[in-house]
Amino acid sequence: MSADPAQIPVVILCGGMGTRLREASEKLPKPLVDIGGRPILWHIMKAYGNHGFRRFVLALGYKSDLIKQYFLDYHHLTSDFTLNLRSPETPVFHNTAGDEDWEITFVETGLTTATAARIRRVAPHLDADRFALTYGDGISDVDITAALAHHLAQGRLGTLTGVHPSSRYGEMRVEGATVVEFNEKPTLADGWVNGGFFLFEREFVDKYLDDDPTVMLETSPLQQLARDRELSVYEHEGFWMGMDTFRDWTELNGLWDSGRAPWKTWED
């Protein structure tokens, strides 16, 4: 039973339409919406790659052709190169910016398919003892190596990353009629929410998922897994953020542009 991350497929759910992010995603699938000029999908894959994962399975849906085309053109989009238009020779690349050691499998899982069936439909490509899974719109500095070690130590079928959400509203501490402390988006320390960044044993797919296109992973499959005491939680106290709204997109880009992106754990 290999625990080598290089052999563990990483399933990324890339089928969403991003309807609440319309200003940024009207012409793009949500995973291609950019942070600092690179799709959020790329940031997620870089985070996994930093922990030794290199095999990705993209569960595609809305505007899947654009996601495929991005990676088909990846070397050209990310590298400096010289192109001689008078000859049919391929471009001469001048740097290694696009030389990611990634194997990417693109799977059409349906336009409106819910998350459980999307995972079920990529099952033929899950050829290891276990697989990782995450959403194509959530970014974090989670220690995926530690999460994998936790999953193996717990010996359960599934592990999810628990995170503390941040409030959408400013929090004030008041003394009398005076505001003595103001936090714009405080992290809520009480309670945990599902931050994604899952690890599952391969048998989870066969035991808990079917091809019903209306079933969300977060409903009956995870609920039943929890009832069966087969779901552990890896508690992450650091940065986590879902890119759900235009405001989120603006904030993530601001962090990147200022050089303060907590999720950038890799070296350029």
C-alpha atoms as a PDB file:
ATOM      1  CA  MET A   1       0.000   0.000   0.000  1.00  0.00           C
ATOM      2  CA  SER A   2       1.983   2.917  -1.327  1.00  0.00           C
ATOM      3  CA  ALA A   3       1.924   6.195   0.550  1.00  0.00           C
ATOM      4  CA  ASP A   4       4.122   7.876  -2.065  1.00  0.00           C
ATOM      5  CA  PRO A   5       2.293  11.084  -3.029  1.00  0.00           C
ATOM      6  CA  ALA A   6       3.721  10.845  -6.553  1.00  0.00           C
ATOM      7  CA  GLN A   7       1.568   7.745  -7.063  1.00  0.00           C
ATOM      8  CA  ILE A   8      -1.633   9.096  -5.482  1.00  0.00           C
ATOM      9  CA  PRO A   9      -4.140  10.608  -7.943  1.00  0.00           C
ATOM     10  CA  VAL A  10      -5.460  14.047  -7.027  1.00  0.00           C
ATOM     11  CA  VAL A  11      -9.043  14.563  -8.169  1.00  0.00           C
ATOM     12  CA  ILE A  12      -9.996  18.214  -8.601  1.00  0.00           C
ATOM     13  CA  LEU A  13     -13.667  19.090  -9.039  1.00  0.00           C
ATOM     14  CA  CYS A  14     -13.660  21.500 -11.987  1.00  0.00           C
ATOM     15  CA  GLY A  15     -17.241  21.385 -13.214  1.00  0.00           C
ATOM     16  CA  GLY A  16     -18.811  24.370 -11.486  1.00  0.00           C
ATOM     17  CA  MET A  17     -20.294  27.393 -13.227  1.00  0.00           C
ATOM     18  CA  GLY A  18     -19.292  30.024 -10.661  1.00  0.00           C
ATOM     19  CA  THR A  19     -22.637  31.817 -10.851  1.00  0.00           C
ATOM     20  CA  ARG A  20     -21.870  33.965  -7.775  1.00  0.00           C
ATOM     21  CA  LEU A  21     -18.606  35.052  -9.364  1.00  0.00           C
ATOM     22  CA  ARG A  22     -20.172  36.275 -12.561  1.00  0.00           C
ATOM     23  CA  GLU A  23     -18.064  39.431 -12.872  1.00  0.00           C
ATOM     24  CA  ALA A  24     -14.889  37.349 -13.120  1.00  0.00           C
ATOM     25  CA  SER A  25     -16.192  34.086 -14.567  1.00  0.00           C
ATOM     26  CA  GLU A  26     -18.855  34.981 -17.117  1.00  0.00           C
ATOM     27  CA  LYS A  27     -16.649  33.776 -19.963  1.00  0.00           C
ATOM     28  CA  LEU A  28     -14.586  31.256 -18.009  1.00  0.00           C
ATOM     29  CA  PRO A  29     -15.148  28.112 -15.946  1.00  0.00           C
ATOM     30  CA  LYS A  30     -14.570  28.957 -12.308  1.00  0.00           C
ATOM     31  CA  PRO A  31     -11.275  27.025 -11.986  1.00  0.00           C
ATOM     32  CA  LEU A  32      -9.764  29.246 -14.706  1.00  0.00           C
ATOM     33  CA  VAL A  33     -10.575  32.504 -12.930  1.00  0.00           C
ATOM     34  CA  ASP A  34      -7.173  34.013 -12.254  1.00  0.00           C
ATOM     35  CA  ILE A  35      -5.217  35.016  -9.213  1.00  0.00           C
ATOM     36  CA  GLY A  36      -2.223  37.094 -10.227  1.00  0.00           C
ATOM     37  CA  GLY A  37      -2.583  36.099 -13.860  1.00  0.00           C
ATOM     38  CA  ARG A  38      -2.720  32.335 -13.234  1.00  0.00           C
ATOM     39  CA  PRO A  39      -5.913  30.274 -12.805  1.00  0.00           C
ATOM     40  CA  ILE A  40      -6.869  29.325  -9.264  1.00  0.00           C
ATOM     41  CA  LEU A  41      -6.674  25.735 -10.542  1.00  0.00           C
ATOM     42  CA  TRP A  42      -2.957  26.260 -11.207  1.00  0.00           C
ATOM     43  CA  HIS A  43      -2.448  27.582  -7.659  1.00  0.00           C
ATOM     44  CA  ILE A  44      -4.166  24.486  -6.240  1.00  0.00           C
ATOM     45  CA  MET A  45      -2.047  22.160  -8.369  1.00  0.00           C
ATOM     46  CA  LYS A  46       1.136  23.997  -7.384  1.00  0.00           C
ATOM     47  CA  ALA A  47       0.211  23.512  -3.717  1.00  0.00           C
ATOM     48  CA  TYR A  48      -0.163  19.759  -4.231  1.00  0.00           C
ATOM     49  CA  GLY A  49       2.956  19.625  -6.369  1.00  0.00           C
ATOM     50  CA  ASN A  50       4.921  21.217  -3.546  1.00  0.00           C
ATOM     51  CA  HIS A  51       4.053  18.154  -1.448  1.00  0.00           C
ATOM     52  CA  GLY A  52       5.133  15.663  -4.106  1.00  0.00           C
ATOM     53  CA  PHE A  53       1.815  15.007  -5.826  1.00  0.00           C
ATOM     54  CA  ARG A  54       2.045  14.977  -9.613  1.00  0.00           C
ATOM     55  CA  ARG A  55      -0.902  12.941 -10.963  1.00  0.00           C
ATOM     56  CA  PHE A  56      -4.043  15.030 -11.418  1.00  0.00           C
ATOM     57  CA  VAL A  57      -7.510  13.977 -12.549  1.00  0.00           C
ATOM     58  CA  LEU A  58      -9.726  16.911 -13.503  1.00  0.00           C
ATOM     59  CA  ALA A  59     -13.485  16.254 -13.242  1.00  0.00           C
ATOM     60  CA  LEU A  60     -14.757  18.593 -15.937  1.00  0.00           C
ATOM     61  CA  GLY A  61     -18.140  20.104 -16.711  1.00  0.00           C
ATOM     62  CA  TYR A  62     -18.919  23.728 -17.559  1.00  0.00           C
ATOM     63  CA  LYS A  63     -16.712  25.101 -20.385  1.00  0.00           C
ATOM     64  CA  SER A  64     -14.404  22.111 -20.135  1.00  0.00           C
ATOM     65  CA  ASP A  65     -12.902  22.915 -23.522  1.00  0.00           C
ATOM     66  CA  LEU A  66     -11.252  26.030 -22.081  1.00  0.00           C
ATOM     67  CA  ILE A  67      -9.606  24.069 -19.266  1.00  0.00           C
ATOM     68  CA  LYS A  68      -8.280  21.519 -21.760  1.00  0.00           C
ATOM     69  CA  GLN A  69      -6.995  24.246 -24.032  1.00  0.00           C
ATOM     70  CA  TYR A  70      -5.233  26.055 -21.199  1.00  0.00           C
ATOM     71  CA  PHE A  71      -3.097  23.001 -20.469  1.00  0.00           C
ATOM     72  CA  LEU A  72      -2.609  22.101 -24.139  1.00  0.00           C
ATOM     73  CA  ASP A  73      -1.150  25.609 -24.526  1.00  0.00           C
ATOM     74  CA  TYR A  74       0.507  25.612 -21.103  1.00  0.00           C
ATOM     75  CA  HIS A  75       4.121  25.671 -22.233  1.00  0.00           C
ATOM     76  CA  HIS A  76       3.458  28.526 -24.621  1.00  0.00           C
ATOM     77  CA  LEU A  77       1.465  30.504 -22.056  1.00  0.00           C
ATOM     78  CA  THR A  78       4.030  30.267 -19.277  1.00  0.00           C
ATOM     79  CA  SER A  79       7.425  30.319 -21.017  1.00  0.00           C
ATOM     80  CA  ASP A  80       9.581  32.668 -23.056  1.00  0.00           C
ATOM     81  CA  PHE A  81      10.092  31.330 -26.556  1.00  0.00           C
ATOM     82  CA  THR A  82      11.174  32.213 -30.071  1.00  0.00           C
ATOM     83  CA  LEU A  83       8.979  31.285 -33.036  1.00  0.00           C
ATOM     84  CA  ASN A  84      10.256  31.300 -36.597  1.00  0.00           C
ATOM     85  CA  LEU A  85       7.214  31.934 -38.779  1.00  0.00           C
ATOM     86  CA  ARG A  86       9.104  31.075 -41.974  1.00  0.00           C
ATOM     87  CA  SER A  87       9.663  27.465 -40.978  1.00  0.00           C
ATOM     88  CA  PRO A  88       7.425  24.745 -39.536  1.00  0.00           C
ATOM     89  CA  GLU A  89       9.779  24.109 -36.646  1.00  0.00           C
ATOM     90  CA  THR A  90       8.423  24.083 -33.123  1.00  0.00           C
ATOM     91  CA  PRO A  91       9.139  27.068 -30.871  1.00  0.00           C
ATOM     92  CA  VAL A  92      12.476  27.342 -29.087  1.00  0.00           C
ATOM     93  CA  PHE A  93      11.789  27.725 -25.376  1.00  0.00           C
ATOM     94  CA  HIS A  94      14.189  29.813 -23.307  1.00  0.00           C
ATOM     95  CA  ASN A  95      13.299  28.929 -19.721  1.00  0.00           C
ATOM     96  CA  THR A  96      11.743  26.198 -17.627  1.00  0.00           C
ATOM     97  CA  ALA A  97       8.701  28.125 -16.431  1.00  0.00           C
ATOM     98  CA  GLY A  98       6.294  25.607 -17.956  1.00  0.00           C
ATOM     99  CA  ASP A  99       8.193  22.447 -17.067  1.00  0.00           C
ATOM    100  CA  GLU A 100       5.868  21.108 -14.371  1.00  0.00           C
ATOM    101  CA  ASP A 101       6.230  17.407 -13.694  1.00  0.00           C
ATOM    102  CA  TRP A 102       2.474  16.865 -13.902  1.00  0.00           C
ATOM    103  CA  GLU A 103       0.418  14.106 -15.463  1.00  0.00           C
ATOM    104  CA  ILE A 104      -3.089  15.444 -16.039  1.00  0.00           C
ATOM    105  CA  THR A 105      -6.123  13.367 -16.999  1.00  0.00           C
ATOM    106  CA  PHE A 106      -9.147  15.277 -18.286  1.00  0.00           C
ATOM    107  CA  VAL A 107     -12.515  13.592 -17.699  1.00  0.00           C
ATOM    108  CA  GLU A 108     -15.874  14.849 -18.949  1.00  0.00           C
ATOM    109  CA  THR A 109     -18.251  14.265 -16.036  1.00  0.00           C
ATOM    110  CA  GLY A 110     -21.332  16.155 -17.263  1.00  0.00           C
ATOM    111  CA  LEU A 111     -22.499  19.731 -17.412  1.00  0.00           C
ATOM    112  CA  THR A 112     -24.794  19.763 -14.363  1.00  0.00           C
ATOM    113  CA  THR A 113     -23.616  16.632 -12.539  1.00  0.00           C
ATOM    114  CA  ALA A 114     -23.375  16.914  -8.748  1.00  0.00           C
ATOM    115  CA  THR A 115     -20.094  16.253  -6.993  1.00  0.00           C
ATOM    116  CA  ALA A 116     -20.625  12.625  -5.926  1.00  0.00           C
ATOM    117  CA  ALA A 117     -21.296  11.406  -9.449  1.00  0.00           C
ATOM    118  CA  ARG A 118     -18.383  13.438 -10.814  1.00  0.00           C
ATOM    119  CA  ILE A 119     -16.079  11.453  -8.523  1.00  0.00           C
ATOM    120  CA  ARG A 120     -17.767   8.208  -9.509  1.00  0.00           C
ATOM    121  CA  ARG A 121     -17.248   9.010 -13.182  1.00  0.00           C
ATOM    122  CA  VAL A 122     -13.488   9.457 -12.788  1.00  0.00           C
ATOM    123  CA  ALA A 123     -13.186   6.096 -10.982  1.00  0.00           C
ATOM    124  CA  PRO A 124     -11.481   4.305 -13.923  1.00  0.00           C
ATOM    125  CA  HIS A 125      -8.526   6.652 -13.428  1.00  0.00           C
ATOM    126  CA  LEU A 126      -8.186   6.033  -9.692  1.00  0.00           C
ATOM    127  CA  ASP A 127      -5.639   3.246  -9.972  1.00  0.00           C
ATOM    128  CA  ALA A 128      -3.964   3.475  -6.564  1.00  0.00           C
ATOM    129  CA  ASP A 129      -4.886   2.387  -3.038  1.00  0.00           C
ATOM    130  CA  ARG A 130      -6.093   5.890  -2.212  1.00  0.00           C
ATOM    131  CA  PHE A 131      -6.708   9.249  -3.793  1.00  0.00           C
ATOM    132  CA  ALA A 132      -6.803  12.908  -2.831  1.00  0.00           C
ATOM    133  CA  LEU A 133      -9.735  15.163  -3.656  1.00  0.00           C
ATOM    134  CA  THR A 134     -10.338  18.877  -3.531  1.00  0.00           C
ATOM    135  CA  TYR A 135     -12.517  21.612  -4.963  1.00  0.00           C
ATOM    136  CA  GLY A 136     -11.408  23.741  -7.897  1.00  0.00           C
ATOM    137  CA  ASP A 137     -12.128  27.001  -6.073  1.00  0.00           C
ATOM    138  CA  GLY A 138     -10.591  26.678  -2.603  1.00  0.00           C
ATOM    139  CA  ILE A 139      -7.057  27.704  -1.696  1.00  0.00           C
ATOM    140  CA  SER A 140      -5.085  27.027   1.481  1.00  0.00           C
ATOM    141  CA  ASP A 141      -1.650  26.645   3.030  1.00  0.00           C
ATOM    142  CA  VAL A 142      -2.699  23.274   4.466  1.00  0.00           C
ATOM    143  CA  ASP A 143       0.184  20.860   5.083  1.00  0.00           C
ATOM    144  CA  ILE A 144      -0.954  18.133   2.705  1.00  0.00           C
ATOM    145  CA  THR A 145       1.957  15.906   3.716  1.00  0.00           C
ATOM    146  CA  ALA A 146       0.788  16.036   7.331  1.00  0.00           C
ATOM    147  CA  ALA A 147      -2.816  15.466   6.246  1.00  0.00           C
ATOM    148  CA  LEU A 148      -1.758  12.306   4.392  1.00  0.00           C
ATOM    149  CA  ALA A 149       0.182  11.072   7.423  1.00  0.00           C
ATOM    150  CA  HIS A 150      -2.877  11.754   9.602  1.00  0.00           C
ATOM    151  CA  HIS A 151      -5.111   9.836   7.185  1.00  0.00           C
ATOM    152  CA  LEU A 152      -2.806   6.817   7.194  1.00  0.00           C
ATOM    153  CA  ALA A 153      -2.495   6.883  10.989  1.00  0.00           C
ATOM    154  CA  GLN A 154      -6.271   7.030  11.488  1.00  0.00           C
ATOM    155  CA  GLY A 155      -6.857   4.049   9.211  1.00  0.00           C
ATOM    156  CA  ARG A 156     -10.298   5.212   8.070  1.00  0.00           C
ATOM    157  CA  LEU A 157     -11.819   5.369   4.609  1.00  0.00           C
ATOM    158  CA  GLY A 158     -11.875   9.151   4.456  1.00  0.00           C
ATOM    159  CA  THR A 159     -10.284  12.281   5.879  1.00  0.00           C
ATOM    160  CA  LEU A 160     -11.382  15.855   5.353  1.00  0.00           C
ATOM    161  CA  THR A 161      -9.582  19.030   6.302  1.00  0.00           C
ATOM    162  CA  GLY A 162     -11.425  21.009   8.955  1.00  0.00           C
ATOM    163  CA  VAL A 163     -10.936  24.774   8.863  1.00  0.00           C
ATOM    164  CA  HIS A 164     -12.143  27.774  10.805  1.00  0.00           C
ATOM    165  CA  PRO A 165     -14.174  30.021   8.512  1.00  0.00           C
ATOM    166  CA  SER A 166     -13.729  33.764   8.551  1.00  0.00           C
ATOM    167  CA  SER A 167     -16.712  35.977   9.209  1.00  0.00           C
ATOM    168  CA  ARG A 168     -18.226  37.988   6.376  1.00  0.00           C
ATOM    169  CA  TYR A 169     -18.785  40.803   8.822  1.00  0.00           C
ATOM    170  CA  GLY A 170     -16.517  43.066  10.801  1.00  0.00           C
ATOM    171  CA  GLU A 171     -16.131  42.241  14.480  1.00  0.00           C
ATOM    172  CA  MET A 172     -15.916  44.944  17.131  1.00  0.00           C
ATOM    173  CA  ARG A 173     -14.907  44.952  20.766  1.00  0.00           C
ATOM    174  CA  VAL A 174     -16.655  47.761  22.566  1.00  0.00           C
ATOM    175  CA  GLU A 175     -16.082  49.402  25.940  1.00  0.00           C
ATOM    176  CA  GLY A 176     -18.961  51.678  26.797  1.00  0.00           C
ATOM    177  CA  ALA A 177     -19.602  53.773  23.695  1.00  0.00           C
ATOM    178  CA  THR A 178     -16.042  53.371  22.379  1.00  0.00           C
ATOM    179  CA  VAL A 179     -14.841  50.831  19.801  1.00  0.00           C
ATOM    180  CA  VAL A 180     -11.520  49.603  21.177  1.00  0.00           C
ATOM    181  CA  GLU A 181     -10.822  46.883  18.598  1.00  0.00           C
ATOM    182  CA  PHE A 182     -12.036  46.336  15.071  1.00  0.00           C
ATOM    183  CA  ASN A 183     -11.302  43.311  12.870  1.00  0.00           C
ATOM    184  CA  GLU A 184     -12.528  43.376   9.277  1.00  0.00           C
ATOM    185  CA  LYS A 185     -12.840  39.614   8.692  1.00  0.00           C
ATOM    186  CA  PRO A 186     -12.044  37.777  11.913  1.00  0.00           C
ATOM    187  CA  THR A 187     -11.486  34.041  11.917  1.00  0.00           C
ATOM    188  CA  LEU A 188     -14.207  32.258  13.855  1.00  0.00           C
ATOM    189  CA  ALA A 189     -12.364  30.123  16.376  1.00  0.00           C
ATOM    190  CA  ASP A 190     -15.373  28.090  17.482  1.00  0.00           C
ATOM    191  CA  GLY A 191     -16.292  25.104  15.371  1.00  0.00           C
ATOM    192  CA  TRP A 192     -14.981  23.626  12.153  1.00  0.00           C
ATOM    193  CA  VAL A 193     -16.236  23.552   8.582  1.00  0.00           C
ATOM    194  CA  ASN A 194     -15.309  21.322   5.671  1.00  0.00           C
ATOM    195  CA  GLY A 195     -12.354  22.883   3.859  1.00  0.00           C
ATOM    196  CA  GLY A 196     -12.017  20.109   1.307  1.00  0.00           C
ATOM    197  CA  PHE A 197      -8.495  18.733   0.772  1.00  0.00           C
ATOM    198  CA  PHE A 198      -9.779  15.202   1.276  1.00  0.00           C
ATOM    199  CA  LEU A 199      -8.005  11.872   1.287  1.00  0.00           C
ATOM    200  CA  PHE A 200      -9.961   8.701   0.579  1.00  0.00           C
ATOM    201  CA  GLU A 201      -9.205   5.047   0.322  1.00  0.00           C
ATOM    202  CA  ARG A 202     -10.123   3.783  -3.134  1.00  0.00           C
ATOM    203  CA  GLU A 203     -12.902   1.530  -1.804  1.00  0.00           C
ATOM    204  CA  PHE A 204     -14.862   4.608  -0.690  1.00  0.00           C
ATOM    205  CA  VAL A 205     -15.928   5.131  -4.306  1.00  0.00           C
ATOM    206  CA  ASP A 206     -17.388   1.641  -4.693  1.00  0.00           C
ATOM    207  CA  LYS A 207     -19.045   1.532  -1.267  1.00  0.00           C
ATOM    208  CA  TYR A 208     -20.520   5.025  -0.980  1.00  0.00           C
ATOM    209  CA  LEU A 209     -20.903   6.574  -4.435  1.00  0.00           C
ATOM    210  CA  ASP A 210     -23.161   5.822  -7.369  1.00  0.00           C
ATOM    211  CA  ASP A 211     -23.877   7.522 -10.681  1.00  0.00           C
ATOM    212  CA  ASP A 212     -26.936   9.479  -9.532  1.00  0.00           C
ATOM    213  CA  PRO A 213     -26.202  12.941 -11.035  1.00  0.00           C
ATOM    214  CA  THR A 214     -28.198  14.774  -8.348  1.00  0.00           C
ATOM    215  CA  VAL A 215     -26.274  13.629  -5.249  1.00  0.00           C
ATOM    216  CA  MET A 216     -23.704  15.934  -3.683  1.00  0.00           C
ATOM    217  CA  LEU A 217     -20.671  14.386  -1.992  1.00  0.00           C
ATOM    218  CA  GLU A 218     -21.406  16.549   1.040  1.00  0.00           C
ATOM    219  CA  THR A 219     -24.879  15.037   1.587  1.00  0.00           C
ATOM    220  CA  SER A 220     -25.550  11.307   1.854  1.00  0.00           C
ATOM    221  CA  PRO A 221     -22.034   9.955   1.024  1.00  0.00           C
ATOM    222  CA  LEU A 222     -20.159  11.949   3.679  1.00  0.00           C
ATOM    223  CA  GLN A 223     -23.062  11.768   6.108  1.00  0.00           C
ATOM    224  CA  GLN A 224     -23.122   7.972   5.845  1.00  0.00           C
ATOM    225  CA  LEU A 225     -19.331   7.794   6.085  1.00  0.00           C
ATOM    226  CA  ALA A 226     -19.520   9.811   9.309  1.00  0.00           C
ATOM    227  CA  ARG A 227     -22.288   7.589  10.701  1.00  0.00           C
ATOM    228  CA  ASP A 228     -20.095   4.578   9.953  1.00  0.00           C
ATOM    229  CA  ARG A 229     -17.241   6.206  11.914  1.00  0.00           C
ATOM    230  CA  GLU A 230     -15.070   6.069   8.794  1.00  0.00           C
ATOM    231  CA  LEU A 231     -14.451   9.820   8.410  1.00  0.00           C
ATOM    232  CA  SER A 232     -11.612  11.545  10.255  1.00  0.00           C
ATOM    233  CA  VAL A 233     -10.756  15.232  10.340  1.00  0.00           C
ATOM    234  CA  TYR A 234      -7.363  16.835   9.882  1.00  0.00           C
ATOM    235  CA  GLU A 235      -7.562  20.128  11.754  1.00  0.00           C
ATOM    236  CA  HIS A 236      -5.978  23.031   9.898  1.00  0.00           C
ATOM    237  CA  GLU A 237      -5.479  26.241  11.859  1.00  0.00           C
ATOM    238  CA  GLY A 238      -3.861  28.218   9.039  1.00  0.00           C
ATOM    239  CA  PHE A 239      -5.101  30.030   5.951  1.00  0.00           C
ATOM    240  CA  TRP A 240      -8.065  28.777   3.951  1.00  0.00           C
ATOM    241  CA  MET A 241     -10.394  30.628   1.624  1.00  0.00           C
ATOM    242  CA  GLY A 242     -13.016  29.695  -0.916  1.00  0.00           C
ATOM    243  CA  MET A 243     -13.316  31.886  -4.002  1.00  0.00           C
ATOM    244  CA  ASP A 244     -17.090  32.155  -4.041  1.00  0.00           C
ATOM    245  CA  THR A 245     -17.743  35.823  -4.763  1.00  0.00           C
ATOM    246  CA  PHE A 246     -16.233  38.759  -6.603  1.00  0.00           C
ATOM    247  CA  ARG A 247     -15.171  40.142  -3.243  1.00  0.00           C
ATOM    248  CA  ASP A 248     -13.226  36.921  -2.533  1.00  0.00           C
ATOM    249  CA  TRP A 249     -11.563  37.135  -5.943  1.00  0.00           C
ATOM    250  CA  THR A 250     -10.525  40.722  -5.275  1.00  0.00           C
ATOM    251  CA  GLU A 251      -9.127  39.846  -1.841  1.00  0.00           C
ATOM    252  CA  LEU A 252      -7.133  36.858  -3.131  1.00  0.00           C
ATOM    253  CA  ASN A 253      -5.637  38.932  -5.929  1.00  0.00           C
ATOM    254  CA  GLY A 254      -4.745  41.659  -3.433  1.00  0.00           C
ATOM    255  CA  LEU A 255      -2.869  39.140  -1.275  1.00  0.00           C
ATOM    256  CA  TRP A 256      -1.002  37.784  -4.296  1.00  0.00           C
ATOM    257  CA  ASP A 257      -0.133  41.191  -5.711  1.00  0.00           C
ATOM    258  CA  SER A 258       1.212  42.384  -2.359  1.00  0.00           C
ATOM    259  CA  GLY A 259       3.446  39.312  -1.989  1.00  0.00           C
ATOM    260  CA  ARG A 260       1.508  38.157   1.081  1.00  0.00           C
ATOM    261  CA  ALA A 261      -0.277  35.107  -0.337  1.00  0.00           C
ATOM    262  CA  PRO A 262      -0.199  32.547   2.511  1.00  0.00           C
ATOM    263  CA  TRP A 263      -0.910  29.629   0.182  1.00  0.00           C
ATOM    264  CA  LYS A 264       2.229  30.210  -1.902  1.00  0.00           C
ATOM    265  CA  THR A 265       4.362  27.555  -0.238  1.00  0.00           C
ATOM    266  CA  TRP A 266       6.393  26.692  -3.358  1.00  0.00           C
ATOM    267  CA  GLU A 267       9.546  28.287  -4.719  1.00  0.00           C
ATOM    268  CA  ASP A 268       9.463  30.017  -8.098  1.00  0.00           C
END
